[in-house]
Amino acid sequence: MLFEIDIKPSNIFLSAHNRIKLGDLGFSRSMSVKTSSVDSFLGTPYYMSPERLKELKYSFPSDVWSLGCVLYEMVALQSPFFSKHISLNGLCKRIEMALFPPLPSGVLYSDKVGKIIESCLIPNPDLRPNIDALVQMSST
């Protein structure tokens, strides 16, 4: 198993066979079946989960949060927590409280995508879906 730790648009690539690949694994951590979290403070602030900003253990729900940020950016064309004039402290507060604008209306995306994004960006990591649940949400 592998935690990516720094999921963001610039670390996502499309292969020649149209497969999504994660790059920049310099921040990744290899995990055993028994390991569920790691200790380290790494990542890109706009995509970091609330628990990572509090320097709590990194776990799979943190990657789910980052995925939600990337999906939001794909729809809205900007990070959910972007602001032209925001301090790092202000950014951290917005992330911890999950204060982001609603997805733009009039943009062509399915209701499913909106629900997936919202479920990924739940501040409590225990309430975020796991990968199996995300796959199920996307296929129903």
C-alpha atoms as a PDB file:
ATOM      1  CA  MET A   1       0.000   0.000   0.000  1.00  0.00           C
ATOM      2  CA  LEU A   2       1.085   3.549  -0.625  1.00  0.00           C
ATOM      3  CA  PHE A   3      -0.013   6.903   0.757  1.00  0.00           C
ATOM      4  CA  GLU A   4       0.540   9.603  -1.852  1.00  0.00           C
ATOM      5  CA  ILE A   5       0.638  12.467   0.718  1.00  0.00           C
ATOM      6  CA  ASP A   6       0.812  15.235  -1.932  1.00  0.00           C
ATOM      7  CA  ILE A   7      -2.152  14.708  -4.257  1.00  0.00           C
ATOM      8  CA  LYS A   8      -2.588  17.855  -6.342  1.00  0.00           C
ATOM      9  CA  PRO A   9      -3.213  18.584 -10.030  1.00  0.00           C
ATOM     10  CA  SER A  10       0.476  18.912 -10.926  1.00  0.00           C
ATOM     11  CA  ASN A  11       1.137  15.406  -9.549  1.00  0.00           C
ATOM     12  CA  ILE A  12      -1.564  13.689 -11.644  1.00  0.00           C
ATOM     13  CA  PHE A  13      -0.630  12.386 -15.089  1.00  0.00           C
ATOM     14  CA  LEU A  14      -2.434  10.615 -17.917  1.00  0.00           C
ATOM     15  CA  SER A  15      -0.540   7.736 -19.520  1.00  0.00           C
ATOM     16  CA  ALA A  16      -0.471   6.923 -23.235  1.00  0.00           C
ATOM     17  CA  HIS A  17      -3.129   4.293 -22.450  1.00  0.00           C
ATOM     18  CA  ASN A  18      -5.411   6.858 -20.735  1.00  0.00           C
ATOM     19  CA  ARG A  19      -4.618   5.603 -17.246  1.00  0.00           C
ATOM     20  CA  ILE A  20      -4.295   8.073 -14.404  1.00  0.00           C
ATOM     21  CA  LYS A  21      -0.909   7.992 -12.698  1.00  0.00           C
ATOM     22  CA  LEU A  22       0.272   9.786  -9.569  1.00  0.00           C
ATOM     23  CA  GLY A  23       3.700  11.373  -9.808  1.00  0.00           C
ATOM     24  CA  ASP A  24       6.111  13.161  -7.496  1.00  0.00           C
ATOM     25  CA  LEU A  25       6.183  10.253  -5.102  1.00  0.00           C
ATOM     26  CA  GLY A  26       8.971  11.961  -3.185  1.00  0.00           C
ATOM     27  CA  PHE A  27       6.342  12.599  -0.517  1.00  0.00           C
ATOM     28  CA  SER A  28       4.815   9.123  -0.689  1.00  0.00           C
ATOM     29  CA  ARG A  29       5.145   6.551   2.080  1.00  0.00           C
ATOM     30  CA  SER A  30       5.080   2.794   1.725  1.00  0.00           C
ATOM     31  CA  MET A  31       2.696   1.063   4.096  1.00  0.00           C
ATOM     32  CA  SER A  32       2.304  -2.465   5.341  1.00  0.00           C
ATOM     33  CA  VAL A  33      -1.096  -4.100   5.662  1.00  0.00           C
ATOM     34  CA  LYS A  34      -0.981  -3.358   9.410  1.00  0.00           C
ATOM     35  CA  THR A  35      -0.096   0.335   9.007  1.00  0.00           C
ATOM     36  CA  SER A  36      -2.935   2.821   8.823  1.00  0.00           C
ATOM     37  CA  SER A  37      -1.159   6.152   9.338  1.00  0.00           C
ATOM     38  CA  VAL A  38       2.200   7.924   9.270  1.00  0.00           C
ATOM     39  CA  ASP A  39       3.759  10.829  11.147  1.00  0.00           C
ATOM     40  CA  SER A  40       5.207  13.654   9.060  1.00  0.00           C
ATOM     41  CA  PHE A  41       4.235  17.143   7.984  1.00  0.00           C
ATOM     42  CA  LEU A  42       4.389  17.133   4.197  1.00  0.00           C
ATOM     43  CA  GLY A  43       2.143  18.311   1.407  1.00  0.00           C
ATOM     44  CA  THR A  44       0.849  21.377  -0.396  1.00  0.00           C
ATOM     45  CA  PRO A  45      -1.335  23.599   1.834  1.00  0.00           C
ATOM     46  CA  TYR A  46      -4.240  24.084  -0.626  1.00  0.00           C
ATOM     47  CA  TYR A  47      -4.712  20.299  -0.775  1.00  0.00           C
ATOM     48  CA  MET A  48      -3.901  19.361   2.820  1.00  0.00           C
ATOM     49  CA  SER A  49      -6.628  17.924   5.023  1.00  0.00           C
ATOM     50  CA  PRO A  50      -7.652  19.567   8.308  1.00  0.00           C
ATOM     51  CA  GLU A  51      -6.023  16.766  10.288  1.00  0.00           C
ATOM     52  CA  ARG A  52      -2.718  17.290   8.475  1.00  0.00           C
ATOM     53  CA  LEU A  53      -2.791  21.011   9.243  1.00  0.00           C
ATOM     54  CA  LYS A  54      -3.156  20.067  12.911  1.00  0.00           C
ATOM     55  CA  GLU A  55      -0.125  17.779  12.454  1.00  0.00           C
ATOM     56  CA  LEU A  56      -2.139  14.677  13.284  1.00  0.00           C
ATOM     57  CA  LYS A  57      -1.262  11.331  11.722  1.00  0.00           C
ATOM     58  CA  TYR A  58      -1.566  11.013   7.965  1.00  0.00           C
ATOM     59  CA  SER A  59      -4.002   8.333   6.848  1.00  0.00           C
ATOM     60  CA  PHE A  60      -5.991   7.315   3.768  1.00  0.00           C
ATOM     61  CA  PRO A  61      -8.820   9.786   4.551  1.00  0.00           C
ATOM     62  CA  SER A  62      -6.225  12.538   4.072  1.00  0.00           C
ATOM     63  CA  ASP A  63      -5.699  11.357   0.485  1.00  0.00           C
ATOM     64  CA  VAL A  64      -9.499  11.315   0.042  1.00  0.00           C
ATOM     65  CA  TRP A  65      -9.626  14.970   1.163  1.00  0.00           C
ATOM     66  CA  SER A  66      -6.914  15.876  -1.359  1.00  0.00           C
ATOM     67  CA  LEU A  67      -8.797  14.002  -4.081  1.00  0.00           C
ATOM     68  CA  GLY A  68     -11.893  16.062  -3.235  1.00  0.00           C
ATOM     69  CA  CYS A  69      -9.847  19.253  -3.619  1.00  0.00           C
ATOM     70  CA  VAL A  70      -8.589  18.110  -7.032  1.00  0.00           C
ATOM     71  CA  LEU A  71     -12.090  17.141  -8.215  1.00  0.00           C
ATOM     72  CA  TYR A  72     -13.440  20.502  -7.041  1.00  0.00           C
ATOM     73  CA  GLU A  73     -10.684  22.259  -8.969  1.00  0.00           C
ATOM     74  CA  MET A  74     -11.503  20.256 -12.102  1.00  0.00           C
ATOM     75  CA  VAL A  75     -15.094  21.529 -11.956  1.00  0.00           C
ATOM     76  CA  ALA A  76     -14.564  25.074 -10.629  1.00  0.00           C
ATOM     77  CA  LEU A  77     -11.152  25.689 -12.245  1.00  0.00           C
ATOM     78  CA  GLN A  78      -9.662  26.804  -8.932  1.00  0.00           C
ATOM     79  CA  SER A  79      -8.851  25.286  -5.566  1.00  0.00           C
ATOM     80  CA  PRO A  80     -11.820  25.196  -3.177  1.00  0.00           C
ATOM     81  CA  PHE A  81      -9.807  27.243  -0.683  1.00  0.00           C
ATOM     82  CA  PHE A  82      -8.157  29.692  -3.092  1.00  0.00           C
ATOM     83  CA  SER A  83      -8.264  33.382  -2.328  1.00  0.00           C
ATOM     84  CA  LYS A  84      -6.067  36.066  -3.894  1.00  0.00           C
ATOM     85  CA  HIS A  85      -5.206  37.702  -0.599  1.00  0.00           C
ATOM     86  CA  ILE A  86      -5.117  35.106   2.152  1.00  0.00           C
ATOM     87  CA  SER A  87      -2.489  34.376   4.744  1.00  0.00           C
ATOM     88  CA  LEU A  88      -1.370  30.847   5.508  1.00  0.00           C
ATOM     89  CA  ASN A  89      -3.197  31.143   8.831  1.00  0.00           C
ATOM     90  CA  GLY A  90      -6.381  32.255   7.044  1.00  0.00           C
ATOM     91  CA  LEU A  91      -6.057  29.392   4.567  1.00  0.00           C
ATOM     92  CA  CYS A  92      -5.660  26.892   7.406  1.00  0.00           C
ATOM     93  CA  LYS A  93      -8.792  28.210   9.129  1.00  0.00           C
ATOM     94  CA  ARG A  94     -10.815  27.929   5.904  1.00  0.00           C
ATOM     95  CA  ILE A  95      -9.621  24.348   5.418  1.00  0.00           C
ATOM     96  CA  GLU A  96     -10.245  23.316   9.036  1.00  0.00           C
ATOM     97  CA  MET A  97     -13.834  24.596   8.799  1.00  0.00           C
ATOM     98  CA  ALA A  98     -14.282  23.406   5.184  1.00  0.00           C
ATOM     99  CA  LEU A  99     -15.281  26.913   4.096  1.00  0.00           C
ATOM    100  CA  PHE A 100     -15.363  26.800   0.329  1.00  0.00           C
ATOM    101  CA  PRO A 101     -17.758  28.292  -2.220  1.00  0.00           C
ATOM    102  CA  PRO A 102     -20.444  26.091  -3.728  1.00  0.00           C
ATOM    103  CA  LEU A 103     -19.589  24.570  -7.066  1.00  0.00           C
ATOM    104  CA  PRO A 104     -20.433  26.932  -9.908  1.00  0.00           C
ATOM    105  CA  SER A 105     -23.897  26.582 -11.370  1.00  0.00           C
ATOM    106  CA  GLY A 106     -24.324  26.252 -15.092  1.00  0.00           C
ATOM    107  CA  VAL A 107     -21.212  24.094 -15.397  1.00  0.00           C
ATOM    108  CA  LEU A 108     -21.764  20.694 -16.941  1.00  0.00           C
ATOM    109  CA  TYR A 109     -21.058  18.089 -14.288  1.00  0.00           C
ATOM    110  CA  SER A 110     -23.247  15.407 -12.807  1.00  0.00           C
ATOM    111  CA  ASP A 111     -24.930  15.571  -9.416  1.00  0.00           C
ATOM    112  CA  LYS A 112     -22.819  12.523  -8.574  1.00  0.00           C
ATOM    113  CA  VAL A 113     -19.633  14.525  -8.969  1.00  0.00           C
ATOM    114  CA  GLY A 114     -20.933  17.230  -6.644  1.00  0.00           C
ATOM    115  CA  LYS A 115     -21.909  14.656  -4.016  1.00  0.00           C
ATOM    116  CA  ILE A 116     -18.546  12.904  -4.268  1.00  0.00           C
ATOM    117  CA  ILE A 117     -16.702  16.205  -3.823  1.00  0.00           C
ATOM    118  CA  GLU A 118     -18.830  17.164  -0.821  1.00  0.00           C
ATOM    119  CA  SER A 119     -18.282  13.767   0.796  1.00  0.00           C
ATOM    120  CA  CYS A 120     -14.504  14.008   0.300  1.00  0.00           C
ATOM    121  CA  LEU A 121     -14.368  17.480   1.861  1.00  0.00           C
ATOM    122  CA  ILE A 122     -15.938  16.578   5.192  1.00  0.00           C
ATOM    123  CA  PRO A 123     -13.652  17.969   7.932  1.00  0.00           C
ATOM    124  CA  ASN A 124     -13.949  14.850  10.124  1.00  0.00           C
ATOM    125  CA  PRO A 125     -11.749  12.148   8.526  1.00  0.00           C
ATOM    126  CA  ASP A 126     -13.843   9.381  10.105  1.00  0.00           C
ATOM    127  CA  LEU A 127     -16.871  10.558   8.106  1.00  0.00           C
ATOM    128  CA  ARG A 128     -15.155  10.669   4.702  1.00  0.00           C
ATOM    129  CA  PRO A 129     -15.810   7.768   2.334  1.00  0.00           C
ATOM    130  CA  ASN A 130     -13.143   5.167   1.697  1.00  0.00           C
ATOM    131  CA  ILE A 131     -12.024   4.342  -1.830  1.00  0.00           C
ATOM    132  CA  ASP A 132     -14.544   1.499  -2.195  1.00  0.00           C
ATOM    133  CA  ALA A 133     -17.386   3.851  -1.249  1.00  0.00           C
ATOM    134  CA  LEU A 134     -16.153   6.468  -3.741  1.00  0.00           C
ATOM    135  CA  VAL A 135     -16.074   3.874  -6.519  1.00  0.00           C
ATOM    136  CA  GLN A 136     -19.596   2.788  -5.596  1.00  0.00           C
ATOM    137  CA  MET A 137     -20.806   6.415  -5.496  1.00  0.00           C
ATOM    138  CA  SER A 138     -19.388   7.040  -8.952  1.00  0.00           C
ATOM    139  CA  SER A 139     -20.939   3.956 -10.516  1.00  0.00           C
ATOM    140  CA  THR A 140     -24.489   4.158  -9.128  1.00  0.00           C
END
